[in-house]
Amino acid sequence: MNVIYIVTTGGTIEKTYSETDGSVLNAQNKLERYLAKLRRPGIETYVVPVMNKDSLEMDGEDRRLLLGIVKGLLAESAPLVITHGTDTMVGTAMYFKQTLPEVHVPIILTGAMTPLGFENSDGLQNLTESLFAVRLIPAGLYIVMHGRVFPVDRVRKDHKLAQFVWADPPASPQIQ
């Protein structure tokens, strides 16, 4: 049995619509409901909810908490998929690159531009592709979005295109 840990932090992928005030917010973890819809023979997934925040609201303390969870899970020698808001995903990934110099399993960060369950959401696609990619790629830190796998230091979010693109030269750390 292949084991994959899915660490959730919130972000757009987990946002829900509030009927009372018309807002879209991080209110509840809904990833397991979508995982249950996927056929995953031979794969055992464990969801580890850490927080449910918009990535623009994450701070250094949140990232240190997330890092501690990741370090603990690395002892299991199983690959990790981390759901994260797209606005600061690269910064968090670069923070991991600085603080986890030797990674012996693949670690993927993924998210969505449109929340799971919304029309035209890319969330399930990105989650599914991450679960597939994490079993094929070598150990290291990656971002998986829209059918592409990026090393964390070679990617940036293009806000105009609403997608992740190759960064050249390599990205420099942004979050401490």
N, C-alpha and C. Protein backbone atom coordinates (compact mmCIF):
# COMPACT_ATOMS: atom_id res chain seq x y z
N MET A 1 0.86 -1.19 0.00
CA MET A 1 0.00 0.00 0.00
C MET A 1 0.89 1.24 0.00
N ASN A 2 0.66 2.15 -0.93
CA ASN A 2 1.35 3.43 -0.96
C ASN A 2 0.61 4.43 -0.09
N VAL A 3 1.35 5.12 0.76
CA VAL A 3 0.78 6.11 1.66
C VAL A 3 1.16 7.50 1.19
N ILE A 4 0.19 8.41 1.19
CA ILE A 4 0.42 9.82 0.88
C ILE A 4 -0.26 10.64 1.98
N TYR A 5 0.49 11.57 2.54
CA TYR A 5 -0.09 12.50 3.51
C TYR A 5 -0.52 13.76 2.77
N ILE A 6 -1.72 14.23 3.08
CA ILE A 6 -2.25 15.46 2.50
C ILE A 6 -2.43 16.45 3.64
N VAL A 7 -1.62 17.49 3.63
CA VAL A 7 -1.64 18.50 4.68
C VAL A 7 -2.45 19.68 4.16
N THR A 8 -3.45 20.11 4.91
CA THR A 8 -4.31 21.20 4.43
C THR A 8 -4.07 22.47 5.23
N THR A 9 -4.03 23.59 4.51
CA THR A 9 -3.83 24.89 5.16
C THR A 9 -4.95 25.87 4.82
N GLY A 10 -5.85 25.49 3.95
CA GLY A 10 -6.93 26.39 3.54
C GLY A 10 -6.70 26.88 2.12
N GLY A 11 -6.76 28.18 1.94
CA GLY A 11 -6.59 28.74 0.61
C GLY A 11 -7.88 28.63 -0.19
N THR A 12 -7.82 29.10 -1.41
CA THR A 12 -9.00 29.11 -2.27
C THR A 12 -9.58 27.72 -2.48
N ILE A 13 -8.73 26.71 -2.58
CA ILE A 13 -9.21 25.35 -2.84
C ILE A 13 -10.27 24.93 -1.82
N GLU A 14 -10.20 25.43 -0.59
CA GLU A 14 -11.13 25.03 0.46
C GLU A 14 -12.16 26.10 0.82
N LYS A 15 -12.23 27.16 0.06
CA LYS A 15 -13.20 28.21 0.39
C LYS A 15 -14.63 27.76 0.11
N THR A 16 -15.55 28.33 0.88
CA THR A 16 -16.97 28.04 0.71
C THR A 16 -17.74 29.35 0.58
N TYR A 17 -18.91 29.23 0.03
CA TYR A 17 -19.78 30.39 -0.16
C TYR A 17 -20.69 30.52 1.06
N SER A 18 -20.77 31.72 1.62
CA SER A 18 -21.66 32.00 2.74
C SER A 18 -22.97 32.58 2.20
N GLU A 19 -24.06 31.85 2.39
CA GLU A 19 -25.36 32.33 1.93
C GLU A 19 -25.86 33.52 2.74
N THR A 20 -25.39 33.66 3.97
CA THR A 20 -25.88 34.75 4.81
C THR A 20 -25.37 36.11 4.39
N ASP A 21 -24.11 36.18 3.95
CA ASP A 21 -23.59 37.50 3.56
C ASP A 21 -22.98 37.54 2.16
N GLY A 22 -23.03 36.42 1.45
CA GLY A 22 -22.54 36.40 0.07
C GLY A 22 -21.03 36.38 -0.07
N SER A 23 -20.32 36.14 1.02
CA SER A 23 -18.85 36.12 0.95
C SER A 23 -18.34 34.72 0.65
N VAL A 24 -17.11 34.65 0.22
CA VAL A 24 -16.40 33.39 0.02
C VAL A 24 -15.30 33.36 1.06
N LEU A 25 -15.31 32.34 1.91
CA LEU A 25 -14.37 32.33 3.02
C LEU A 25 -13.91 30.93 3.37
N ASN A 26 -12.85 30.86 4.14
CA ASN A 26 -12.35 29.59 4.66
C ASN A 26 -13.09 29.29 5.95
N ALA A 27 -14.07 28.38 5.87
CA ALA A 27 -14.91 28.09 7.02
C ALA A 27 -14.78 26.65 7.50
N GLN A 28 -14.57 25.72 6.58
CA GLN A 28 -14.52 24.31 6.96
C GLN A 28 -13.61 23.55 6.02
N ASN A 29 -13.08 22.45 6.50
CA ASN A 29 -12.25 21.58 5.67
C ASN A 29 -13.17 20.69 4.85
N LYS A 30 -13.04 20.74 3.53
CA LYS A 30 -13.91 19.92 2.68
C LYS A 30 -13.15 18.99 1.76
N LEU A 31 -11.84 18.89 1.95
CA LEU A 31 -11.00 18.09 1.08
C LEU A 31 -11.35 16.61 1.11
N GLU A 32 -11.63 16.08 2.29
CA GLU A 32 -11.91 14.64 2.39
C GLU A 32 -13.14 14.25 1.58
N ARG A 33 -14.11 15.14 1.50
CA ARG A 33 -15.32 14.88 0.71
C ARG A 33 -14.97 14.69 -0.77
N TYR A 34 -14.01 15.45 -1.25
CA TYR A 34 -13.60 15.34 -2.65
C TYR A 34 -12.66 14.17 -2.88
N LEU A 35 -11.83 13.87 -1.91
CA LEU A 35 -10.97 12.69 -2.01
C LEU A 35 -11.81 11.42 -2.13
N ALA A 36 -12.93 11.40 -1.43
CA ALA A 36 -13.81 10.22 -1.45
C ALA A 36 -14.38 9.96 -2.84
N LYS A 37 -14.39 10.96 -3.70
CA LYS A 37 -14.92 10.81 -5.06
C LYS A 37 -13.90 10.21 -6.02
N LEU A 38 -12.64 10.17 -5.60
CA LEU A 38 -11.58 9.69 -6.48
C LEU A 38 -11.35 8.19 -6.29
N ARG A 39 -11.05 7.52 -7.37
CA ARG A 39 -10.63 6.13 -7.30
C ARG A 39 -9.13 6.13 -7.03
N ARG A 40 -8.74 5.49 -5.92
CA ARG A 40 -7.35 5.49 -5.51
C ARG A 40 -6.90 4.08 -5.12
N PRO A 41 -7.00 3.13 -6.03
CA PRO A 41 -6.61 1.76 -5.65
C PRO A 41 -5.13 1.70 -5.30
N GLY A 42 -4.84 1.04 -4.20
CA GLY A 42 -3.45 0.87 -3.79
C GLY A 42 -2.84 2.10 -3.14
N ILE A 43 -3.64 3.15 -2.93
CA ILE A 43 -3.13 4.36 -2.29
C ILE A 43 -3.95 4.63 -1.03
N GLU A 44 -3.25 4.83 0.05
CA GLU A 44 -3.90 5.20 1.31
C GLU A 44 -3.53 6.65 1.59
N THR A 45 -4.54 7.51 1.72
CA THR A 45 -4.27 8.92 1.99
C THR A 45 -4.70 9.26 3.41
N TYR A 46 -3.89 10.08 4.04
CA TYR A 46 -4.20 10.59 5.37
C TYR A 46 -4.23 12.10 5.31
N VAL A 47 -5.37 12.69 5.64
CA VAL A 47 -5.51 14.14 5.62
C VAL A 47 -5.12 14.67 6.99
N VAL A 48 -4.23 15.66 6.97
CA VAL A 48 -3.75 16.30 8.19
C VAL A 48 -4.14 17.78 8.12
N PRO A 49 -5.28 18.16 8.72
CA PRO A 49 -5.68 19.56 8.69
C PRO A 49 -4.83 20.37 9.68
N VAL A 50 -4.18 21.42 9.19
CA VAL A 50 -3.33 22.25 10.03
C VAL A 50 -4.02 23.58 10.34
N MET A 51 -4.59 24.19 9.30
CA MET A 51 -5.30 25.46 9.47
C MET A 51 -6.23 25.60 8.28
N ASN A 52 -7.07 26.61 8.31
CA ASN A 52 -7.96 26.88 7.19
C ASN A 52 -7.97 28.38 6.97
N LYS A 53 -6.90 28.87 6.32
CA LYS A 53 -6.71 30.31 6.15
C LYS A 53 -6.47 30.66 4.69
N ASP A 54 -6.85 31.85 4.34
CA ASP A 54 -6.41 32.44 3.08
C ASP A 54 -4.90 32.63 3.21
N SER A 55 -4.14 32.32 2.19
CA SER A 55 -2.68 32.41 2.32
C SER A 55 -2.20 33.84 2.57
N LEU A 56 -2.98 34.84 2.18
CA LEU A 56 -2.59 36.22 2.45
C LEU A 56 -2.68 36.54 3.95
N GLU A 57 -3.39 35.70 4.70
CA GLU A 57 -3.51 35.89 6.15
C GLU A 57 -2.48 35.07 6.92
N MET A 58 -1.75 34.19 6.24
CA MET A 58 -0.74 33.39 6.91
C MET A 58 0.44 34.28 7.29
N ASP A 59 1.01 33.97 8.47
CA ASP A 59 2.16 34.73 8.92
C ASP A 59 3.31 33.76 9.26
N GLY A 60 4.39 34.32 9.78
CA GLY A 60 5.55 33.50 10.12
C GLY A 60 5.25 32.40 11.11
N GLU A 61 4.41 32.69 12.08
CA GLU A 61 4.03 31.68 13.07
C GLU A 61 3.28 30.53 12.39
N ASP A 62 2.38 30.85 11.46
CA ASP A 62 1.65 29.81 10.72
C ASP A 62 2.62 28.94 9.91
N ARG A 63 3.60 29.57 9.28
CA ARG A 63 4.56 28.82 8.47
C ARG A 63 5.46 27.95 9.35
N ARG A 64 5.83 28.44 10.51
CA ARG A 64 6.63 27.62 11.43
C ARG A 64 5.82 26.43 11.93
N LEU A 65 4.54 26.64 12.21
CA LEU A 65 3.66 25.53 12.60
C LEU A 65 3.60 24.50 11.48
N LEU A 66 3.37 24.96 10.26
CA LEU A 66 3.31 24.07 9.10
C LEU A 66 4.63 23.32 8.92
N LEU A 67 5.74 24.03 9.07
CA LEU A 67 7.05 23.39 8.95
C LEU A 67 7.21 22.28 9.99
N GLY A 68 6.78 22.52 11.22
CA GLY A 68 6.87 21.50 12.26
C GLY A 68 6.06 20.26 11.91
N ILE A 69 4.87 20.45 11.36
CA ILE A 69 4.03 19.32 10.94
C ILE A 69 4.74 18.55 9.81
N VAL A 70 5.25 19.28 8.84
CA VAL A 70 5.95 18.65 7.71
C VAL A 70 7.16 17.86 8.21
N LYS A 71 7.96 18.46 9.08
CA LYS A 71 9.13 17.75 9.61
C LYS A 71 8.71 16.46 10.31
N GLY A 72 7.63 16.51 11.08
CA GLY A 72 7.14 15.32 11.76
C GLY A 72 6.70 14.24 10.78
N LEU A 73 6.02 14.65 9.71
CA LEU A 73 5.55 13.68 8.72
C LEU A 73 6.70 13.12 7.88
N LEU A 74 7.75 13.87 7.70
CA LEU A 74 8.90 13.37 6.92
C LEU A 74 9.50 12.13 7.57
N ALA A 75 9.35 11.98 8.88
CA ALA A 75 9.84 10.79 9.57
C ALA A 75 9.12 9.53 9.09
N GLU A 76 7.94 9.69 8.49
CA GLU A 76 7.17 8.55 7.97
C GLU A 76 7.69 8.07 6.61
N SER A 77 8.58 8.84 5.99
CA SER A 77 9.14 8.51 4.68
C SER A 77 8.07 8.31 3.61
N ALA A 78 7.01 9.07 3.71
CA ALA A 78 5.92 9.02 2.72
C ALA A 78 5.84 10.39 2.05
N PRO A 79 5.45 10.43 0.79
CA PRO A 79 5.32 11.72 0.10
C PRO A 79 4.20 12.56 0.69
N LEU A 80 4.34 13.88 0.48
CA LEU A 80 3.38 14.84 1.02
C LEU A 80 2.79 15.69 -0.09
N VAL A 81 1.49 15.96 0.02
CA VAL A 81 0.81 16.97 -0.79
C VAL A 81 0.27 17.99 0.19
N ILE A 82 0.59 19.27 -0.04
CA ILE A 82 0.14 20.34 0.83
C ILE A 82 -0.79 21.25 0.05
N THR A 83 -2.03 21.40 0.51
CA THR A 83 -2.93 22.35 -0.14
C THR A 83 -2.68 23.71 0.50
N HIS A 84 -2.62 24.73 -0.35
CA HIS A 84 -2.17 26.06 0.10
C HIS A 84 -2.79 27.09 -0.82
N GLY A 85 -3.02 28.27 -0.30
CA GLY A 85 -3.48 29.38 -1.13
C GLY A 85 -2.41 29.76 -2.14
N THR A 86 -2.85 30.17 -3.32
CA THR A 86 -1.91 30.41 -4.42
C THR A 86 -1.14 31.72 -4.30
N ASP A 87 -1.67 32.69 -3.55
CA ASP A 87 -1.00 33.99 -3.50
C ASP A 87 0.36 33.95 -2.82
N THR A 88 0.53 33.11 -1.81
CA THR A 88 1.83 33.03 -1.13
C THR A 88 2.43 31.62 -1.18
N MET A 89 1.92 30.78 -2.06
CA MET A 89 2.39 29.41 -2.17
C MET A 89 3.89 29.33 -2.46
N VAL A 90 4.35 30.13 -3.41
CA VAL A 90 5.77 30.09 -3.77
C VAL A 90 6.62 30.53 -2.57
N GLY A 91 6.19 31.54 -1.85
CA GLY A 91 6.93 31.99 -0.68
C GLY A 91 7.05 30.92 0.39
N THR A 92 5.95 30.22 0.66
CA THR A 92 5.99 29.12 1.63
C THR A 92 6.89 28.01 1.13
N ALA A 93 6.80 27.69 -0.13
CA ALA A 93 7.66 26.64 -0.71
C ALA A 93 9.14 27.02 -0.60
N MET A 94 9.46 28.27 -0.84
CA MET A 94 10.85 28.71 -0.72
C MET A 94 11.31 28.70 0.74
N TYR A 95 10.42 29.00 1.66
CA TYR A 95 10.72 28.89 3.08
C TYR A 95 11.08 27.44 3.42
N PHE A 96 10.31 26.50 2.89
CA PHE A 96 10.62 25.08 3.09
C PHE A 96 11.98 24.74 2.49
N LYS A 97 12.27 25.27 1.31
CA LYS A 97 13.54 24.98 0.66
C LYS A 97 14.71 25.46 1.52
N GLN A 98 14.54 26.60 2.18
CA GLN A 98 15.59 27.12 3.07
C GLN A 98 15.74 26.29 4.34
N THR A 99 14.63 25.83 4.88
CA THR A 99 14.64 25.20 6.20
C THR A 99 14.66 23.67 6.15
N LEU A 100 14.43 23.10 4.98
CA LEU A 100 14.49 21.64 4.81
C LEU A 100 15.53 21.34 3.72
N PRO A 101 16.81 21.48 4.03
CA PRO A 101 17.82 21.33 2.98
C PRO A 101 17.89 19.94 2.36
N GLU A 102 17.57 18.91 3.13
CA GLU A 102 17.59 17.56 2.59
C GLU A 102 16.20 16.94 2.71
N VAL A 103 15.54 16.83 1.59
CA VAL A 103 14.21 16.24 1.54
C VAL A 103 14.34 14.89 0.84
N HIS A 104 13.89 13.83 1.49
CA HIS A 104 14.07 12.48 0.97
C HIS A 104 12.82 11.90 0.32
N VAL A 105 11.76 12.71 0.23
CA VAL A 105 10.52 12.31 -0.43
C VAL A 105 10.02 13.50 -1.25
N PRO A 106 9.14 13.27 -2.20
CA PRO A 106 8.53 14.41 -2.90
C PRO A 106 7.56 15.15 -1.99
N ILE A 107 7.62 16.47 -2.03
CA ILE A 107 6.66 17.33 -1.34
C ILE A 107 6.09 18.26 -2.40
N ILE A 108 4.77 18.21 -2.55
CA ILE A 108 4.08 19.04 -3.55
C ILE A 108 3.16 20.02 -2.84
N LEU A 109 3.21 21.27 -3.27
CA LEU A 109 2.22 22.26 -2.86
C LEU A 109 1.28 22.46 -4.03
N THR A 110 -0.01 22.51 -3.75
CA THR A 110 -1.01 22.74 -4.78
C THR A 110 -2.16 23.54 -4.20
N GLY A 111 -3.01 24.02 -5.06
CA GLY A 111 -4.16 24.80 -4.63
C GLY A 111 -5.13 24.97 -5.77
N ALA A 112 -5.82 26.09 -5.78
CA ALA A 112 -6.81 26.34 -6.83
C ALA A 112 -7.02 27.83 -7.01
N MET A 113 -7.39 28.18 -8.21
CA MET A 113 -7.77 29.56 -8.50
C MET A 113 -9.26 29.77 -8.20
N THR A 114 -10.03 28.67 -8.27
CA THR A 114 -11.47 28.69 -8.00
C THR A 114 -11.77 27.56 -7.00
N PRO A 115 -12.54 27.81 -5.95
CA PRO A 115 -12.77 26.82 -4.90
C PRO A 115 -13.38 25.50 -5.40
N LEU A 116 -13.02 24.42 -4.71
CA LEU A 116 -13.65 23.12 -4.96
C LEU A 116 -15.16 23.29 -4.88
N GLY A 117 -15.88 22.68 -5.81
CA GLY A 117 -17.33 22.73 -5.79
C GLY A 117 -17.92 23.88 -6.59
N PHE A 118 -17.13 24.88 -6.91
CA PHE A 118 -17.61 25.98 -7.73
C PHE A 118 -17.50 25.57 -9.20
N GLU A 119 -18.39 26.12 -10.03
CA GLU A 119 -18.33 25.83 -11.45
C GLU A 119 -16.96 26.23 -12.00
N ASN A 120 -16.39 25.38 -12.83
CA ASN A 120 -15.08 25.59 -13.45
C ASN A 120 -13.93 25.62 -12.45
N SER A 121 -14.11 25.00 -11.29
CA SER A 121 -13.03 24.91 -10.32
C SER A 121 -11.89 24.05 -10.87
N ASP A 122 -10.69 24.49 -10.62
CA ASP A 122 -9.50 23.72 -10.98
C ASP A 122 -8.99 22.90 -9.80
N GLY A 123 -9.68 22.98 -8.67
CA GLY A 123 -9.21 22.35 -7.45
C GLY A 123 -9.08 20.85 -7.52
N LEU A 124 -10.09 20.16 -8.02
CA LEU A 124 -10.04 18.70 -8.09
C LEU A 124 -8.98 18.25 -9.09
N GLN A 125 -8.87 18.96 -10.20
CA GLN A 125 -7.82 18.64 -11.18
C GLN A 125 -6.44 18.75 -10.53
N ASN A 126 -6.18 19.86 -9.84
CA ASN A 126 -4.87 20.06 -9.24
C ASN A 126 -4.59 19.04 -8.13
N LEU A 127 -5.60 18.71 -7.36
CA LEU A 127 -5.44 17.70 -6.32
C LEU A 127 -5.14 16.34 -6.93
N THR A 128 -5.91 15.96 -7.93
CA THR A 128 -5.71 14.67 -8.59
C THR A 128 -4.33 14.58 -9.23
N GLU A 129 -3.94 15.64 -9.93
CA GLU A 129 -2.62 15.64 -10.57
C GLU A 129 -1.50 15.58 -9.53
N SER A 130 -1.71 16.21 -8.39
CA SER A 130 -0.70 16.18 -7.32
C SER A 130 -0.56 14.77 -6.75
N LEU A 131 -1.69 14.09 -6.55
CA LEU A 131 -1.65 12.72 -6.05
C LEU A 131 -0.95 11.78 -7.04
N PHE A 132 -1.09 12.06 -8.30
CA PHE A 132 -0.42 11.26 -9.34
C PHE A 132 1.07 11.60 -9.38
N ALA A 133 1.38 12.89 -9.45
CA ALA A 133 2.76 13.33 -9.60
C ALA A 133 3.63 12.94 -8.41
N VAL A 134 3.07 13.02 -7.19
CA VAL A 134 3.87 12.76 -6.00
C VAL A 134 4.39 11.32 -5.96
N ARG A 135 3.77 10.45 -6.75
CA ARG A 135 4.22 9.05 -6.82
C ARG A 135 5.24 8.83 -7.92
N LEU A 136 5.47 9.82 -8.77
CA LEU A 136 6.36 9.64 -9.92
C LEU A 136 7.65 10.47 -9.88
N ILE A 137 7.59 11.63 -9.24
CA ILE A 137 8.72 12.55 -9.30
C ILE A 137 9.74 12.21 -8.21
N PRO A 138 10.99 12.63 -8.43
CA PRO A 138 12.01 12.37 -7.41
C PRO A 138 11.80 13.24 -6.17
N ALA A 139 12.50 12.90 -5.11
CA ALA A 139 12.44 13.68 -3.87
C ALA A 139 12.77 15.13 -4.16
N GLY A 140 12.05 16.03 -3.48
CA GLY A 140 12.28 17.46 -3.66
C GLY A 140 11.00 18.22 -3.40
N LEU A 141 11.07 19.53 -3.60
CA LEU A 141 9.95 20.43 -3.37
C LEU A 141 9.41 20.94 -4.70
N TYR A 142 8.09 20.82 -4.89
CA TYR A 142 7.46 21.16 -6.16
C TYR A 142 6.14 21.89 -5.94
N ILE A 143 5.72 22.58 -6.99
CA ILE A 143 4.36 23.11 -7.08
C ILE A 143 3.72 22.45 -8.29
N VAL A 144 2.52 21.91 -8.10
CA VAL A 144 1.77 21.28 -9.19
C VAL A 144 0.48 22.06 -9.37
N MET A 145 0.31 22.61 -10.56
CA MET A 145 -0.89 23.37 -10.91
C MET A 145 -1.16 23.20 -12.40
N HIS A 146 -2.39 22.94 -12.75
CA HIS A 146 -2.86 22.95 -14.13
C HIS A 146 -2.02 22.09 -15.07
N GLY A 147 -1.74 20.86 -14.63
CA GLY A 147 -1.05 19.91 -15.49
C GLY A 147 0.45 20.12 -15.60
N ARG A 148 1.01 20.95 -14.71
CA ARG A 148 2.44 21.22 -14.77
C ARG A 148 3.08 21.00 -13.41
N VAL A 149 4.32 20.52 -13.44
CA VAL A 149 5.10 20.32 -12.23
C VAL A 149 6.28 21.28 -12.29
N PHE A 150 6.38 22.14 -11.27
CA PHE A 150 7.44 23.14 -11.21
C PHE A 150 8.33 22.90 -9.99
N PRO A 151 9.66 22.92 -10.15
CA PRO A 151 10.51 23.01 -8.96
C PRO A 151 10.21 24.34 -8.27
N VAL A 152 10.21 24.39 -6.95
CA VAL A 152 9.74 25.58 -6.25
C VAL A 152 10.55 26.84 -6.55
N ASP A 153 11.79 26.68 -6.92
CA ASP A 153 12.61 27.86 -7.20
C ASP A 153 12.58 28.28 -8.67
N ARG A 154 11.70 27.66 -9.43
CA ARG A 154 11.59 27.99 -10.86
C ARG A 154 10.17 28.34 -11.26
N VAL A 155 9.37 28.86 -10.32
CA VAL A 155 7.96 29.13 -10.60
C VAL A 155 7.53 30.45 -9.97
N ARG A 156 6.54 31.06 -10.58
CA ARG A 156 5.92 32.24 -10.00
C ARG A 156 4.46 32.25 -10.44
N LYS A 157 3.63 32.96 -9.67
CA LYS A 157 2.23 33.10 -10.04
C LYS A 157 2.10 34.33 -10.93
N ASP A 158 1.52 34.15 -12.09
CA ASP A 158 1.23 35.26 -12.99
C ASP A 158 -0.22 35.66 -12.75
N HIS A 159 -0.41 36.77 -12.07
CA HIS A 159 -1.76 37.20 -11.69
C HIS A 159 -2.61 37.57 -12.90
N LYS A 160 -1.99 38.13 -13.93
CA LYS A 160 -2.75 38.50 -15.14
C LYS A 160 -3.30 37.26 -15.84
N LEU A 161 -2.48 36.23 -15.94
CA LEU A 161 -2.90 35.00 -16.62
C LEU A 161 -3.67 34.06 -15.70
N ALA A 162 -3.63 34.32 -14.40
CA ALA A 162 -4.24 33.45 -13.39
C ALA A 162 -3.71 32.02 -13.51
N GLN A 163 -2.39 31.93 -13.60
CA GLN A 163 -1.75 30.62 -13.65
C GLN A 163 -0.30 30.73 -13.19
N PHE A 164 0.29 29.59 -12.92
CA PHE A 164 1.70 29.56 -12.55
C PHE A 164 2.53 29.37 -13.82
N VAL A 165 3.67 30.06 -13.85
CA VAL A 165 4.54 30.03 -15.02
C VAL A 165 5.98 29.82 -14.57
N TRP A 166 6.83 29.45 -15.51
CA TRP A 166 8.24 29.26 -15.21
C TRP A 166 8.88 30.59 -14.85
N ALA A 167 9.72 30.58 -13.83
CA ALA A 167 10.46 31.76 -13.41
C ALA A 167 11.90 31.61 -13.89
N ASP A 168 12.38 32.60 -14.56
CA ASP A 168 13.76 32.58 -15.02
C ASP A 168 14.34 33.96 -14.82
N PRO A 169 15.31 34.16 -14.01
CA PRO A 169 16.10 33.15 -13.30
C PRO A 169 15.33 32.56 -12.12
N PRO A 170 15.94 31.58 -11.47
CA PRO A 170 15.25 30.98 -10.32
C PRO A 170 14.77 32.00 -9.31
N ALA A 171 13.64 31.70 -8.69
CA ALA A 171 13.04 32.60 -7.70
C ALA A 171 13.94 32.68 -6.48
N SER A 172 13.89 33.82 -5.82
CA SER A 172 14.63 33.97 -4.55
C SER A 172 13.63 33.90 -3.41
N PRO A 173 14.10 33.52 -2.23
CA PRO A 173 13.19 33.39 -1.09
C PRO A 173 12.44 34.69 -0.82
N GLN A 174 11.13 34.56 -0.49
CA GLN A 174 10.30 35.74 -0.26
C GLN A 174 9.72 35.80 1.13
N ILE A 175 9.60 34.68 1.82
CA ILE A 175 8.93 34.64 3.11
C ILE A 175 9.91 34.15 4.16
N GLN A 176 9.96 34.80 5.27
CA GLN A 176 10.86 34.37 6.37
C GLN A 176 10.04 33.77 7.49
